[in-house]
């Protein structure tokens, strides 16, 4: 497999030199025929802050996609779908029993006095 690191031109005092980038820009991925989500599924890093488009990075992405096996790409997509878990919505402070009213409704507090009015008010 080829190298998946992007190349970025430096600014400031280092004008004209290149360094390793954090990931490929959205325009580079689009030119190579990938979306950001597909690149993440394949394990290719993307940098949403970059707006530049370098031809070396596009050629590197195309070589990488050509070298990958098509069956491996399908397996990778299926395995990502199986691994996803849906998160439960976060309960509020009251439902978790962190406030006095929440503790009372969950039965974590002892109440003083009469527990309900039906015991003394509505006698038969």
PDB file of N, CA and C in Angstrom:
ATOM      1  N   UNK A   1       0.841  -1.177   0.000  1.00  0.00           N
ATOM      2  CA  UNK A   1       0.000   0.000   0.000  1.00  0.00           C
ATOM      3  C   UNK A   1       0.887   1.241   0.000  1.00  0.00           C
ATOM      4  N   UNK A   2       0.459   2.276  -0.670  1.00  0.00           N
ATOM      5  CA  UNK A   2       1.268   3.482  -0.769  1.00  0.00           C
ATOM      6  C   UNK A   2       1.066   4.374   0.442  1.00  0.00           C
ATOM      7  N   UNK A   3       1.850   5.418   0.504  1.00  0.00           N
ATOM      8  CA  UNK A   3       1.804   6.350   1.618  1.00  0.00           C
ATOM      9  C   UNK A   3       0.525   7.185   1.552  1.00  0.00           C
ATOM     10  N   UNK A   4      -0.157   7.368   2.688  1.00  0.00           N
ATOM     11  CA  UNK A   4      -1.407   8.129   2.703  1.00  0.00           C
ATOM     12  C   UNK A   4      -1.239   9.477   3.386  1.00  0.00           C
ATOM     13  N   UNK A   5      -0.044  10.041   3.359  1.00  0.00           N
ATOM     14  CA  UNK A   5       0.172  11.342   3.981  1.00  0.00           C
ATOM     15  C   UNK A   5       0.138  12.425   2.915  1.00  0.00           C
ATOM     16  N   UNK A   6      -0.527  13.514   3.223  1.00  0.00           N
ATOM     17  CA  UNK A   6      -0.634  14.607   2.269  1.00  0.00           C
ATOM     18  C   UNK A   6       0.564  15.540   2.402  1.00  0.00           C
ATOM     19  N   UNK A   7       0.781  16.338   1.367  1.00  0.00           N
ATOM     20  CA  UNK A   7       1.880  17.303   1.343  1.00  0.00           C
ATOM     21  C   UNK A   7       1.281  18.701   1.371  1.00  0.00           C
ATOM     22  N   UNK A   8       1.831  19.570   2.212  1.00  0.00           N
ATOM     23  CA  UNK A   8       1.334  20.933   2.367  1.00  0.00           C
ATOM     24  C   UNK A   8       2.500  21.891   2.198  1.00  0.00           C
ATOM     25  N   UNK A   9       2.275  22.996   1.480  1.00  0.00           N
ATOM     26  CA  UNK A   9       3.306  24.020   1.340  1.00  0.00           C
ATOM     27  C   UNK A   9       3.266  24.930   2.558  1.00  0.00           C
ATOM     28  N   UNK A  10       4.449  25.293   3.058  1.00  0.00           N
ATOM     29  CA  UNK A  10       4.522  26.124   4.255  1.00  0.00           C
ATOM     30  C   UNK A  10       4.463  27.602   3.903  1.00  0.00           C
ATOM     31  N   UNK A  11       4.054  28.392   4.878  1.00  0.00           N
ATOM     32  CA  UNK A  11       3.973  29.842   4.717  1.00  0.00           C
ATOM     33  C   UNK A  11       4.974  30.520   5.632  1.00  0.00           C
ATOM     34  N   UNK A  12       5.025  31.823   5.550  1.00  0.00           N
ATOM     35  CA  UNK A  12       5.868  32.602   6.450  1.00  0.00           C
ATOM     36  C   UNK A  12       7.326  32.545   6.042  1.00  0.00           C
ATOM     37  N   UNK A  13       8.211  32.293   7.001  1.00  0.00           N
ATOM     38  CA  UNK A  13       9.652  32.283   6.748  1.00  0.00           C
ATOM     39  C   UNK A  13      10.079  31.073   5.924  1.00  0.00           C
ATOM     40  N   UNK A  14       9.232  30.038   5.855  1.00  0.00           N
ATOM     41  CA  UNK A  14       9.587  28.802   5.154  1.00  0.00           C
ATOM     42  C   UNK A  14       8.904  28.705   3.789  1.00  0.00           C
ATOM     43  N   UNK A  15       8.729  29.815   3.095  1.00  0.00           N
ATOM     44  CA  UNK A  15       8.024  29.814   1.816  1.00  0.00           C
ATOM     45  C   UNK A  15       8.785  28.949   0.814  1.00  0.00           C
ATOM     46  N   UNK A  16       8.037  28.093   0.118  1.00  0.00           N
ATOM     47  CA  UNK A  16       8.630  27.234  -0.898  1.00  0.00           C
ATOM     48  C   UNK A  16       8.945  25.836  -0.408  1.00  0.00           C
ATOM     49  N   UNK A  17       8.958  25.604   0.897  1.00  0.00           N
ATOM     50  CA  UNK A  17       9.227  24.267   1.416  1.00  0.00           C
ATOM     51  C   UNK A  17       7.910  23.534   1.651  1.00  0.00           C
ATOM     52  N   UNK A  18       7.987  22.223   1.734  1.00  0.00           N
ATOM     53  CA  UNK A  18       6.794  21.415   1.981  1.00  0.00           C
ATOM     54  C   UNK A  18       6.977  20.614   3.259  1.00  0.00           C
ATOM     55  N   UNK A  19       5.849  20.200   3.829  1.00  0.00           N
ATOM     56  CA  UNK A  19       5.862  19.373   5.032  1.00  0.00           C
ATOM     57  C   UNK A  19       4.696  18.398   4.948  1.00  0.00           C
ATOM     58  N   UNK A  20       4.636  17.465   5.898  1.00  0.00           N
ATOM     59  CA  UNK A  20       3.524  16.523   5.949  1.00  0.00           C
ATOM     60  C   UNK A  20       2.275  17.249   6.421  1.00  0.00           C
ATOM     61  N   UNK A  21       1.154  16.964   5.775  1.00  0.00           N
ATOM     62  CA  UNK A  21      -0.106  17.570   6.175  1.00  0.00           C
ATOM     63  C   UNK A  21      -0.859  16.677   7.139  1.00  0.00           C
ATOM     64  N   UNK A  22      -1.913  17.215   7.725  1.00  0.00           N
ATOM     65  CA  UNK A  22      -2.736  16.427   8.647  1.00  0.00           C
ATOM     66  C   UNK A  22      -3.715  15.536   7.912  1.00  0.00           C
ATOM     67  N   UNK A  23      -4.019  15.888   6.682  1.00  0.00           N
ATOM     68  CA  UNK A  23      -4.951  15.099   5.890  1.00  0.00           C
ATOM     69  C   UNK A  23      -5.174  15.769   4.549  1.00  0.00           C
ATOM     70  N   UNK A  24      -5.968  15.118   3.708  1.00  0.00           N
ATOM     71  CA  UNK A  24      -6.257  15.645   2.382  1.00  0.00           C
ATOM     72  C   UNK A  24      -7.416  16.628   2.461  1.00  0.00           C
ATOM     73  N   UNK A  25      -7.382  17.649   1.601  1.00  0.00           N
ATOM     74  CA  UNK A  25      -8.458  18.638   1.602  1.00  0.00           C
ATOM     75  C   UNK A  25      -9.685  18.059   0.901  1.00  0.00           C
ATOM     76  N   UNK A  26     -10.824  18.715   1.103  1.00  0.00           N
ATOM     77  CA  UNK A  26     -12.075  18.250   0.512  1.00  0.00           C
ATOM     78  C   UNK A  26     -12.014  18.305  -1.013  1.00  0.00           C
ATOM     79  N   UNK A  27     -11.376  19.337  -1.555  1.00  0.00           N
ATOM     80  CA  UNK A  27     -11.284  19.456  -3.014  1.00  0.00           C
ATOM     81  C   UNK A  27     -10.374  18.375  -3.601  1.00  0.00           C
ATOM     82  N   UNK A  28      -9.316  17.988  -2.889  1.00  0.00           N
ATOM     83  CA  UNK A  28      -8.439  16.911  -3.368  1.00  0.00           C
ATOM     84  C   UNK A  28      -9.176  15.578  -3.374  1.00  0.00           C
ATOM     85  N   UNK A  29      -9.949  15.316  -2.332  1.00  0.00           N
ATOM     86  CA  UNK A  29     -10.728  14.077  -2.284  1.00  0.00           C
ATOM     87  C   UNK A  29     -11.770  14.049  -3.395  1.00  0.00           C
ATOM     88  N   UNK A  30     -12.405  15.200  -3.652  1.00  0.00           N
ATOM     89  CA  UNK A  30     -13.423  15.280  -4.696  1.00  0.00           C
ATOM     90  C   UNK A  30     -12.810  15.041  -6.077  1.00  0.00           C
ATOM     91  N   UNK A  31     -11.622  15.592  -6.325  1.00  0.00           N
ATOM     92  CA  UNK A  31     -10.937  15.393  -7.612  1.00  0.00           C
ATOM     93  C   UNK A  31     -10.560  13.926  -7.822  1.00  0.00           C
ATOM     94  N   UNK A  32     -10.235  13.228  -6.732  1.00  0.00           N
ATOM     95  CA  UNK A  32      -9.859  11.815  -6.835  1.00  0.00           C
ATOM     96  C   UNK A  32     -11.079  10.905  -6.920  1.00  0.00           C
ATOM     97  N   UNK A  33     -12.281  11.472  -6.730  1.00  0.00           N
ATOM     98  CA  UNK A  33     -13.505  10.684  -6.843  1.00  0.00           C
ATOM     99  C   UNK A  33     -13.981  10.107  -5.522  1.00  0.00           C
ATOM    100  N   UNK A  34     -13.661  10.757  -4.414  1.00  0.00           N
ATOM    101  CA  UNK A  34     -14.071  10.293  -3.089  1.00  0.00           C
ATOM    102  C   UNK A  34     -14.836  11.388  -2.364  1.00  0.00           C
ATOM    103  N   UNK A  35     -15.762  10.973  -1.520  1.00  0.00           N
ATOM    104  CA  UNK A  35     -16.380  11.926  -0.602  1.00  0.00           C
ATOM    105  C   UNK A  35     -15.629  11.854   0.724  1.00  0.00           C
ATOM    106  N   UNK A  36     -15.908  12.774   1.616  1.00  0.00           N
ATOM    107  CA  UNK A  36     -15.221  12.781   2.912  1.00  0.00           C
ATOM    108  C   UNK A  36     -15.589  11.533   3.711  1.00  0.00           C
ATOM    109  N   UNK A  37     -16.871  11.137   3.664  1.00  0.00           N
ATOM    110  CA  UNK A  37     -17.318   9.969   4.421  1.00  0.00           C
ATOM    111  C   UNK A  37     -16.696   8.684   3.879  1.00  0.00           C
ATOM    112  N   UNK A  38     -16.574   8.584   2.549  1.00  0.00           N
ATOM    113  CA  UNK A  38     -15.947   7.397   1.963  1.00  0.00           C
ATOM    114  C   UNK A  38     -14.471   7.330   2.330  1.00  0.00           C
ATOM    115  N   UNK A  39     -13.807   8.484   2.379  1.00  0.00           N
ATOM    116  CA  UNK A  39     -12.393   8.512   2.755  1.00  0.00           C
ATOM    117  C   UNK A  39     -12.209   8.078   4.202  1.00  0.00           C
ATOM    118  N   UNK A  40     -13.101   8.502   5.075  1.00  0.00           N
ATOM    119  CA  UNK A  40     -13.012   8.104   6.479  1.00  0.00           C
ATOM    120  C   UNK A  40     -13.227   6.601   6.614  1.00  0.00           C
ATOM    121  N   UNK A  41     -14.182   6.047   5.848  1.00  0.00           N
ATOM    122  CA  UNK A  41     -14.424   4.600   5.886  1.00  0.00           C
ATOM    123  C   UNK A  41     -13.206   3.813   5.427  1.00  0.00           C
ATOM    124  N   UNK A  42     -12.462   4.370   4.459  1.00  0.00           N
ATOM    125  CA  UNK A  42     -11.282   3.682   3.942  1.00  0.00           C
ATOM    126  C   UNK A  42     -10.042   3.918   4.793  1.00  0.00           C
ATOM    127  N   UNK A  43     -10.140   4.781   5.786  1.00  0.00           N
ATOM    128  CA  UNK A  43      -8.996   5.048   6.654  1.00  0.00           C
ATOM    129  C   UNK A  43      -8.089   6.143   6.136  1.00  0.00           C
ATOM    130  N   UNK A  44      -8.572   6.951   5.193  1.00  0.00           N
ATOM    131  CA  UNK A  44      -7.796   8.061   4.651  1.00  0.00           C
ATOM    132  C   UNK A  44      -8.154   9.309   5.442  1.00  0.00           C
ATOM    133  N   UNK A  45      -7.156  10.011   5.944  1.00  0.00           N
ATOM    134  CA  UNK A  45      -7.403  11.183   6.775  1.00  0.00           C
ATOM    135  C   UNK A  45      -7.814  12.373   5.911  1.00  0.00           C
ATOM    136  N   UNK A  46      -8.726  13.175   6.440  1.00  0.00           N
ATOM    137  CA  UNK A  46      -9.139  14.396   5.753  1.00  0.00           C
ATOM    138  C   UNK A  46      -8.965  15.568   6.708  1.00  0.00           C
ATOM    139  N   UNK A  47      -8.643  16.722   6.145  1.00  0.00           N
ATOM    140  CA  UNK A  47      -8.434  17.934   6.927  1.00  0.00           C
ATOM    141  C   UNK A  47      -9.480  18.959   6.495  1.00  0.00           C
ATOM    142  N   UNK A  48     -10.527  19.181   7.295  1.00  0.00           N
ATOM    143  CA  UNK A  48     -11.588  20.100   6.879  1.00  0.00           C
ATOM    144  C   UNK A  48     -11.158  21.567   6.853  1.00  0.00           C
ATOM    145  N   UNK A  49     -10.037  21.905   7.477  1.00  0.00           N
ATOM    146  CA  UNK A  49      -9.599  23.297   7.515  1.00  0.00           C
ATOM    147  C   UNK A  49      -8.834  23.705   6.257  1.00  0.00           C
ATOM    148  N   UNK A  50      -8.289  22.729   5.535  1.00  0.00           N
ATOM    149  CA  UNK A  50      -7.518  23.055   4.333  1.00  0.00           C
ATOM    150  C   UNK A  50      -8.436  23.363   3.166  1.00  0.00           C
ATOM    151  N   UNK A  51      -8.058  24.378   2.366  1.00  0.00           N
ATOM    152  CA  UNK A  51      -8.824  24.730   1.176  1.00  0.00           C
ATOM    153  C   UNK A  51      -7.988  24.625  -0.094  1.00  0.00           C
ATOM    154  N   UNK A  52      -6.718  24.234   0.035  1.00  0.00           N
ATOM    155  CA  UNK A  52      -5.841  24.173  -1.127  1.00  0.00           C
ATOM    156  C   UNK A  52      -6.007  22.848  -1.858  1.00  0.00           C
ATOM    157  N   UNK A  53      -5.518  22.828  -3.106  1.00  0.00           N
ATOM    158  CA  UNK A  53      -5.602  21.623  -3.917  1.00  0.00           C
ATOM    159  C   UNK A  53      -4.254  21.448  -4.615  1.00  0.00           C
ATOM    160  N   UNK A  54      -3.486  20.419  -4.207  1.00  0.00           N
ATOM    161  CA  UNK A  54      -2.177  20.149  -4.787  1.00  0.00           C
ATOM    162  C   UNK A  54      -2.268  18.927  -5.690  1.00  0.00           C
ATOM    163  N   UNK A  55      -1.663  19.027  -6.869  1.00  0.00           N
ATOM    164  CA  UNK A  55      -1.745  17.956  -7.856  1.00  0.00           C
ATOM    165  C   UNK A  55      -1.050  16.684  -7.368  1.00  0.00           C
ATOM    166  N   UNK A  56       0.031  16.820  -6.600  1.00  0.00           N
ATOM    167  CA  UNK A  56       0.732  15.637  -6.078  1.00  0.00           C
ATOM    168  C   UNK A  56      -0.176  14.819  -5.162  1.00  0.00           C
ATOM    169  N   UNK A  57      -0.959  15.515  -4.345  1.00  0.00           N
ATOM    170  CA  UNK A  57      -1.861  14.814  -3.433  1.00  0.00           C
ATOM    171  C   UNK A  57      -2.966  14.088  -4.197  1.00  0.00           C
ATOM    172  N   UNK A  58      -3.473  14.703  -5.265  1.00  0.00           N
ATOM    173  CA  UNK A  58      -4.528  14.072  -6.065  1.00  0.00           C
ATOM    174  C   UNK A  58      -3.989  12.818  -6.746  1.00  0.00           C
ATOM    175  N   UNK A  59      -2.775  12.901  -7.301  1.00  0.00           N
ATOM    176  CA  UNK A  59      -2.164  11.729  -7.933  1.00  0.00           C
ATOM    177  C   UNK A  59      -1.918  10.623  -6.912  1.00  0.00           C
ATOM    178  N   UNK A  60      -1.506  10.999  -5.723  1.00  0.00           N
ATOM    179  CA  UNK A  60      -1.256  10.024  -4.665  1.00  0.00           C
ATOM    180  C   UNK A  60      -2.551   9.313  -4.263  1.00  0.00           C
ATOM    181  N   UNK A  61      -3.653  10.054  -4.183  1.00  0.00           N
ATOM    182  CA  UNK A  61      -4.945   9.446  -3.851  1.00  0.00           C
ATOM    183  C   UNK A  61      -5.405   8.494  -4.949  1.00  0.00           C
ATOM    184  N   UNK A  62      -5.223   8.876  -6.211  1.00  0.00           N
ATOM    185  CA  UNK A  62      -5.636   8.009  -7.318  1.00  0.00           C
ATOM    186  C   UNK A  62      -4.832   6.718  -7.337  1.00  0.00           C
ATOM    187  N   UNK A  63      -3.517   6.812  -7.076  1.00  0.00           N
ATOM    188  CA  UNK A  63      -2.693   5.601  -7.003  1.00  0.00           C
ATOM    189  C   UNK A  63      -3.135   4.701  -5.856  1.00  0.00           C
ATOM    190  N   UNK A  64      -3.486   5.303  -4.743  1.00  0.00           N
ATOM    191  CA  UNK A  64      -3.933   4.540  -3.583  1.00  0.00           C
ATOM    192  C   UNK A  64      -5.228   3.798  -3.883  1.00  0.00           C
ATOM    193  N   UNK A  65      -6.171   4.470  -4.544  1.00  0.00           N
ATOM    194  CA  UNK A  65      -7.446   3.833  -4.868  1.00  0.00           C
ATOM    195  C   UNK A  65      -7.273   2.723  -5.898  1.00  0.00           C
ATOM    196  N   UNK A  66      -6.354   2.908  -6.861  1.00  0.00           N
ATOM    197  CA  UNK A  66      -6.110   1.866  -7.854  1.00  0.00           C
ATOM    198  C   UNK A  66      -5.463   0.636  -7.235  1.00  0.00           C
ATOM    199  N   UNK A  67      -4.621   0.838  -6.219  1.00  0.00           N
ATOM    200  CA  UNK A  67      -3.924  -0.293  -5.611  1.00  0.00           C
ATOM    201  C   UNK A  67      -4.809  -1.086  -4.657  1.00  0.00           C
ATOM    202  N   UNK A  68      -5.898  -0.479  -4.173  1.00  0.00           N
ATOM    203  CA  UNK A  68      -6.789  -1.187  -3.250  1.00  0.00           C
ATOM    204  C   UNK A  68      -7.618  -2.218  -4.000  1.00  0.00           C
ATOM    205  N   UNK A  69      -7.862  -3.326  -3.353  1.00  0.00           N
ATOM    206  CA  UNK A  69      -8.670  -4.393  -3.922  1.00  0.00           C
ATOM    207  C   UNK A  69     -10.145  -4.010  -3.804  1.00  0.00           C
ATOM    208  N   UNK A  70     -10.922  -4.225  -4.862  1.00  0.00           N
ATOM    209  CA  UNK A  70     -12.342  -3.840  -4.860  1.00  0.00           C
ATOM    210  C   UNK A  70     -13.135  -4.635  -3.829  1.00  0.00           C
ATOM    211  N   UNK A  71     -12.807  -5.926  -3.645  1.00  0.00           N
ATOM    212  CA  UNK A  71     -13.513  -6.730  -2.651  1.00  0.00           C
ATOM    213  C   UNK A  71     -13.220  -6.237  -1.241  1.00  0.00           C
ATOM    214  N   UNK A  72     -11.989  -5.802  -1.011  1.00  0.00           N
ATOM    215  CA  UNK A  72     -11.626  -5.288   0.310  1.00  0.00           C
ATOM    216  C   UNK A  72     -12.409  -4.019   0.621  1.00  0.00           C
ATOM    217  N   UNK A  73     -12.667  -3.205  -0.409  1.00  0.00           N
ATOM    218  CA  UNK A  73     -13.449  -1.988  -0.200  1.00  0.00           C
ATOM    219  C   UNK A  73     -14.872  -2.322   0.224  1.00  0.00           C
ATOM    220  N   UNK A  74     -15.479  -3.350  -0.410  1.00  0.00           N
ATOM    221  CA  UNK A  74     -16.842  -3.743  -0.055  1.00  0.00           C
ATOM    222  C   UNK A  74     -16.900  -4.292   1.360  1.00  0.00           C
ATOM    223  N   UNK A  75     -15.915  -5.124   1.730  1.00  0.00           N
ATOM    224  CA  UNK A  75     -15.876  -5.692   3.080  1.00  0.00           C
ATOM    225  C   UNK A  75     -15.723  -4.583   4.108  1.00  0.00           C
ATOM    226  N   UNK A  76     -14.890  -3.608   3.814  1.00  0.00           N
ATOM    227  CA  UNK A  76     -14.665  -2.496   4.741  1.00  0.00           C
ATOM    228  C   UNK A  76     -15.955  -1.713   4.961  1.00  0.00           C
ATOM    229  N   UNK A  77     -16.732  -1.501   3.877  1.00  0.00           N
ATOM    230  CA  UNK A  77     -17.989  -0.768   4.006  1.00  0.00           C
ATOM    231  C   UNK A  77     -18.985  -1.540   4.860  1.00  0.00           C
ATOM    232  N   UNK A  78     -19.093  -2.866   4.634  1.00  0.00           N
ATOM    233  CA  UNK A  78     -20.041  -3.669   5.397  1.00  0.00           C
ATOM    234  C   UNK A  78     -19.656  -3.740   6.867  1.00  0.00           C
ATOM    235  N   UNK A  79     -18.364  -3.877   7.156  1.00  0.00           N
ATOM    236  CA  UNK A  79     -17.948  -3.990   8.552  1.00  0.00           C
ATOM    237  C   UNK A  79     -18.200  -2.689   9.303  1.00  0.00           C
ATOM    238  N   UNK A  80     -18.081  -1.543   8.634  1.00  0.00           N
ATOM    239  CA  UNK A  80     -18.359  -0.274   9.300  1.00  0.00           C
ATOM    240  C   UNK A  80     -19.835  -0.137   9.628  1.00  0.00           C
ATOM    241  N   UNK A  81     -20.711  -0.661   8.774  1.00  0.00           N
ATOM    242  CA  UNK A  81     -22.138  -0.574   9.047  1.00  0.00           C
ATOM    243  C   UNK A  81     -22.512  -1.435  10.244  1.00  0.00           C
ATOM    244  N   UNK A  82     -21.867  -2.590  10.392  1.00  0.00           N
ATOM    245  CA  UNK A  82     -22.181  -3.476  11.505  1.00  0.00           C
ATOM    246  C   UNK A  82     -21.693  -2.918  12.833  1.00  0.00           C
ATOM    247  N   UNK A  83     -20.595  -2.184  12.825  1.00  0.00           N
ATOM    248  CA  UNK A  83     -19.983  -1.717  14.065  1.00  0.00           C
ATOM    249  C   UNK A  83     -20.676  -0.494  14.654  1.00  0.00           C
ATOM    250  N   UNK A  84     -21.500   0.169  13.876  1.00  0.00           N
ATOM    251  CA  UNK A  84     -22.126   1.392  14.378  1.00  0.00           C
ATOM    252  C   UNK A  84     -23.122   1.080  15.481  1.00  0.00           C
ATOM    253  N   UNK A  85     -23.111   1.884  16.505  1.00  0.00           N
ATOM    254  CA  UNK A  85     -24.067   1.754  17.589  1.00  0.00           C
ATOM    255  C   UNK A  85     -24.777   3.082  17.751  1.00  0.00           C
ATOM    256  N   UNK A  86     -26.068   3.013  17.957  1.00  0.00           N
ATOM    257  CA  UNK A  86     -26.805   4.248  18.166  1.00  0.00           C
ATOM    258  C   UNK A  86     -26.767   4.587  19.646  1.00  0.00           C
ATOM    259  N   UNK A  87     -26.475   5.818  19.952  1.00  0.00           N
ATOM    260  CA  UNK A  87     -26.385   6.255  21.339  1.00  0.00           C
ATOM    261  C   UNK A  87     -27.772   6.600  21.857  1.00  0.00           C
ATOM    262  N   UNK A  88     -28.003   6.278  23.109  1.00  0.00           N
ATOM    263  CA  UNK A  88     -29.273   6.633  23.725  1.00  0.00           C
ATOM    264  C   UNK A  88     -29.263   8.119  24.040  1.00  0.00           C
ATOM    265  N   UNK A  89     -30.418   8.768  23.982  1.00  0.00           N
ATOM    266  CA  UNK A  89     -30.442  10.193  24.326  1.00  0.00           C
ATOM    267  C   UNK A  89     -30.093  10.398  25.796  1.00  0.00           C
ATOM    268  N   UNK A  90     -29.395  11.464  26.068  1.00  0.00           N
ATOM    269  CA  UNK A  90     -28.926  11.751  27.419  1.00  0.00           C
ATOM    270  C   UNK A  90     -30.101  12.180  28.284  1.00  0.00           C
ATOM    271  N   UNK A  91     -30.257  11.520  29.420  1.00  0.00           N
ATOM    272  CA  UNK A  91     -31.338  11.879  30.332  1.00  0.00           C
ATOM    273  C   UNK A  91     -30.966  13.146  31.077  1.00  0.00           C
ATOM    274  N   UNK A  92     -31.984  13.889  31.470  1.00  0.00           N
ATOM    275  CA  UNK A  92     -31.759  15.131  32.193  1.00  0.00           C
ATOM    276  C   UNK A  92     -31.381  14.887  33.640  1.00  0.00           C
ATOM    277  N   UNK A  93     -31.089  15.961  34.343  1.00  0.00           N
ATOM    278  CA  UNK A  93     -30.659  15.854  35.741  1.00  0.00           C
ATOM    279  C   UNK A  93     -31.765  15.291  36.623  1.00  0.00           C
ATOM    280  N   UNK A  94     -33.017  15.652  36.324  1.00  0.00           N
ATOM    281  CA  UNK A  94     -34.121  15.203  37.166  1.00  0.00           C
ATOM    282  C   UNK A  94     -34.329  13.700  37.037  1.00  0.00           C
ATOM    283  N   UNK A  95     -34.299  13.181  35.778  1.00  0.00           N
ATOM    284  CA  UNK A  95     -34.520  11.750  35.568  1.00  0.00           C
ATOM    285  C   UNK A  95     -33.409  10.903  36.163  1.00  0.00           C
ATOM    286  N   UNK A  96     -32.204  11.459  36.252  1.00  0.00           N
ATOM    287  CA  UNK A  96     -31.086  10.711  36.835  1.00  0.00           C
ATOM    288  C   UNK A  96     -31.078  10.773  38.356  1.00  0.00           C
ATOM    289  N   UNK A  97     -31.958  11.571  38.943  1.00  0.00           N
ATOM    290  CA  UNK A  97     -32.035  11.665  40.395  1.00  0.00           C
ATOM    291  C   UNK A  97     -30.987  12.568  40.995  1.00  0.00           C
ATOM    292  N   UNK A  98     -30.572  13.604  40.260  1.00  0.00           N
ATOM    293  CA  UNK A  98     -29.550  14.511  40.764  1.00  0.00           C
ATOM    294  C   UNK A  98     -30.137  15.736  41.458  1.00  0.00           C
ATOM    295  N   UNK A  99     -31.427  15.977  41.294  1.00  0.00           N
ATOM    296  CA  UNK A  99     -32.072  17.090  41.984  1.00  0.00           C
ATOM    297  C   UNK A  99     -32.988  16.527  43.065  1.00  0.00           C
ATOM    298  N   UNK A 100     -33.432  17.396  43.965  1.00  0.00           N
ATOM    299  CA  UNK A 100     -34.274  16.911  45.063  1.00  0.00           C
ATOM    300  C   UNK A 100     -35.606  16.374  44.546  1.00  0.00           C
ATOM    301  N   UNK A 101     -36.182  17.024  43.529  1.00  0.00           N
ATOM    302  CA  UNK A 101     -37.451  16.519  42.999  1.00  0.00           C
ATOM    303  C   UNK A 101     -37.247  15.194  42.264  1.00  0.00           C
ATOM    304  N   UNK A 102     -36.114  15.041  41.594  1.00  0.00           N
ATOM    305  CA  UNK A 102     -35.824  13.779  40.923  1.00  0.00           C
ATOM    306  C   UNK A 102     -35.613  12.647  41.909  1.00  0.00           C
ATOM    307  N   UNK A 103     -34.951  12.943  43.021  1.00  0.00           N
ATOM    308  CA  UNK A 103     -34.755  11.930  44.062  1.00  0.00           C
ATOM    309  C   UNK A 103     -36.090  11.522  44.665  1.00  0.00           C
ATOM    310  N   UNK A 104     -36.982  12.500  44.820  1.00  0.00           N
ATOM    311  CA  UNK A 104     -38.289  12.214  45.395  1.00  0.00           C
ATOM    312  C   UNK A 104     -39.111  11.325  44.470  1.00  0.00           C
ATOM    313  N   UNK A 105     -39.102  11.614  43.157  1.00  0.00           N
ATOM    314  CA  UNK A 105     -39.906  10.816  42.226  1.00  0.00           C
ATOM    315  C   UNK A 105     -39.354   9.410  42.057  1.00  0.00           C
ATOM    316  N   UNK A 106     -38.057   9.237  42.182  1.00  0.00           N
ATOM    317  CA  UNK A 106     -37.470   7.904  42.060  1.00  0.00           C
ATOM    318  C   UNK A 106     -37.506   7.134  43.372  1.00  0.00           C
ATOM    319  N   UNK A 107     -37.963   7.781  44.440  1.00  0.00           N
ATOM    320  CA  UNK A 107     -38.063   7.104  45.722  1.00  0.00           C
ATOM    321  C   UNK A 107     -36.760   7.049  46.483  1.00  0.00           C
ATOM    322  N   UNK A 108     -35.843   7.968  46.199  1.00  0.00           N
ATOM    323  CA  UNK A 108     -34.558   7.976  46.881  1.00  0.00           C
ATOM    324  C   UNK A 108     -34.567   8.848  48.127  1.00  0.00           C
ATOM    325  N   UNK A 109     -35.617   9.637  48.314  1.00  0.00           N
ATOM    326  CA  UNK A 109     -35.750  10.492  49.493  1.00  0.00           C
ATOM    327  C   UNK A 109     -36.889   9.985  50.365  1.00  0.00           C
ATOM    328  N   UNK A 110     -36.745  10.167  51.655  1.00  0.00           N
ATOM    329  CA  UNK A 110     -37.862   9.882  52.546  1.00  0.00           C
ATOM    330  C   UNK A 110     -38.696  11.143  52.664  1.00  0.00           C
ATOM    331  N   UNK A 111     -39.988  10.998  52.551  1.00  0.00           N
ATOM    332  CA  UNK A 111     -40.864  12.160  52.676  1.00  0.00           C
ATOM    333  C   UNK A 111     -41.345  12.267  54.109  1.00  0.00           C
ATOM    334  N   UNK A 112     -41.533  13.478  54.567  1.00  0.00           N
ATOM    335  CA  UNK A 112     -42.036  13.701  55.918  1.00  0.00           C
ATOM    336  C   UNK A 112     -43.541  13.880  55.870  1.00  0.00           C
ATOM    337  N   UNK A 113     -44.178  13.566  56.931  1.00  0.00           N
ATOM    338  CA  UNK A 113     -45.613  13.808  57.024  1.00  0.00           C
ATOM    339  C   UNK A 113     -46.422  12.764  56.294  1.00  0.00           C
ATOM    340  N   UNK A 114     -47.614  13.179  55.892  1.00  0.00           N
ATOM    341  CA  UNK A 114     -48.524  12.269  55.217  1.00  0.00           C
ATOM    342  C   UNK A 114     -48.063  12.050  53.782  1.00  0.00           C
ATOM    343  N   UNK A 115     -48.064  10.789  53.354  1.00  0.00           N
ATOM    344  CA  UNK A 115     -47.595  10.486  52.012  1.00  0.00           C
ATOM    345  C   UNK A 115     -48.625  10.844  50.956  1.00  0.00           C
ATOM    346  N   UNK A 116     -49.893  10.693  51.268  1.00  0.00           N
ATOM    347  CA  UNK A 116     -50.920  11.063  50.304  1.00  0.00           C
ATOM    348  C   UNK A 116     -52.180  11.450  51.058  1.00  0.00           C
ATOM    349  N   UNK A 117     -53.028  12.191  50.386  1.00  0.00           N
ATOM    350  CA  UNK A 117     -54.236  12.667  51.056  1.00  0.00           C
ATOM    351  C   UNK A 117     -55.341  11.628  51.075  1.00  0.00           C
ATOM    352  N   UNK A 118     -55.228  10.580  50.274  1.00  0.00           N
ATOM    353  CA  UNK A 118     -56.327   9.617  50.196  1.00  0.00           C
ATOM    354  C   UNK A 118     -56.502   8.841  51.500  1.00  0.00           C
ATOM    355  N   UNK A 119     -55.452   8.772  52.334  1.00  0.00           N
ATOM    356  CA  UNK A 119     -55.550   7.998  53.571  1.00  0.00           C
ATOM    357  C   UNK A 119     -56.445   8.667  54.612  1.00  0.00           C
ATOM    358  N   UNK A 120     -56.491   9.982  54.622  1.00  0.00           N
ATOM    359  CA  UNK A 120     -57.252  10.640  55.680  1.00  0.00           C
ATOM    360  C   UNK A 120     -58.413  11.471  55.152  1.00  0.00           C
ATOM    361  N   UNK A 121     -58.408  11.856  53.907  1.00  0.00           N
ATOM    362  CA  UNK A 121     -59.415  12.786  53.422  1.00  0.00           C
ATOM    363  C   UNK A 121     -60.650  12.071  52.878  1.00  0.00           C
ATOM    364  N   UNK A 122     -60.449  10.969  52.209  1.00  0.00           N
ATOM    365  CA  UNK A 122     -61.565  10.302  51.553  1.00  0.00           C
ATOM    366  C   UNK A 122     -61.862   8.971  52.228  1.00  0.00           C
ATOM    367  N   UNK A 123     -62.276   8.996  53.471  1.00  0.00           N
ATOM    368  CA  UNK A 123     -62.610   7.764  54.181  1.00  0.00           C
ATOM    369  C   UNK A 123     -64.012   7.331  53.816  1.00  0.00           C
ATOM    370  N   UNK A 124     -64.249   6.036  53.794  1.00  0.00           N
ATOM    371  CA  UNK A 124     -65.576   5.503  53.485  1.00  0.00           C
ATOM    372  C   UNK A 124     -66.314   5.153  54.731  1.00  0.00           C
TER     373      UNK A 124
END
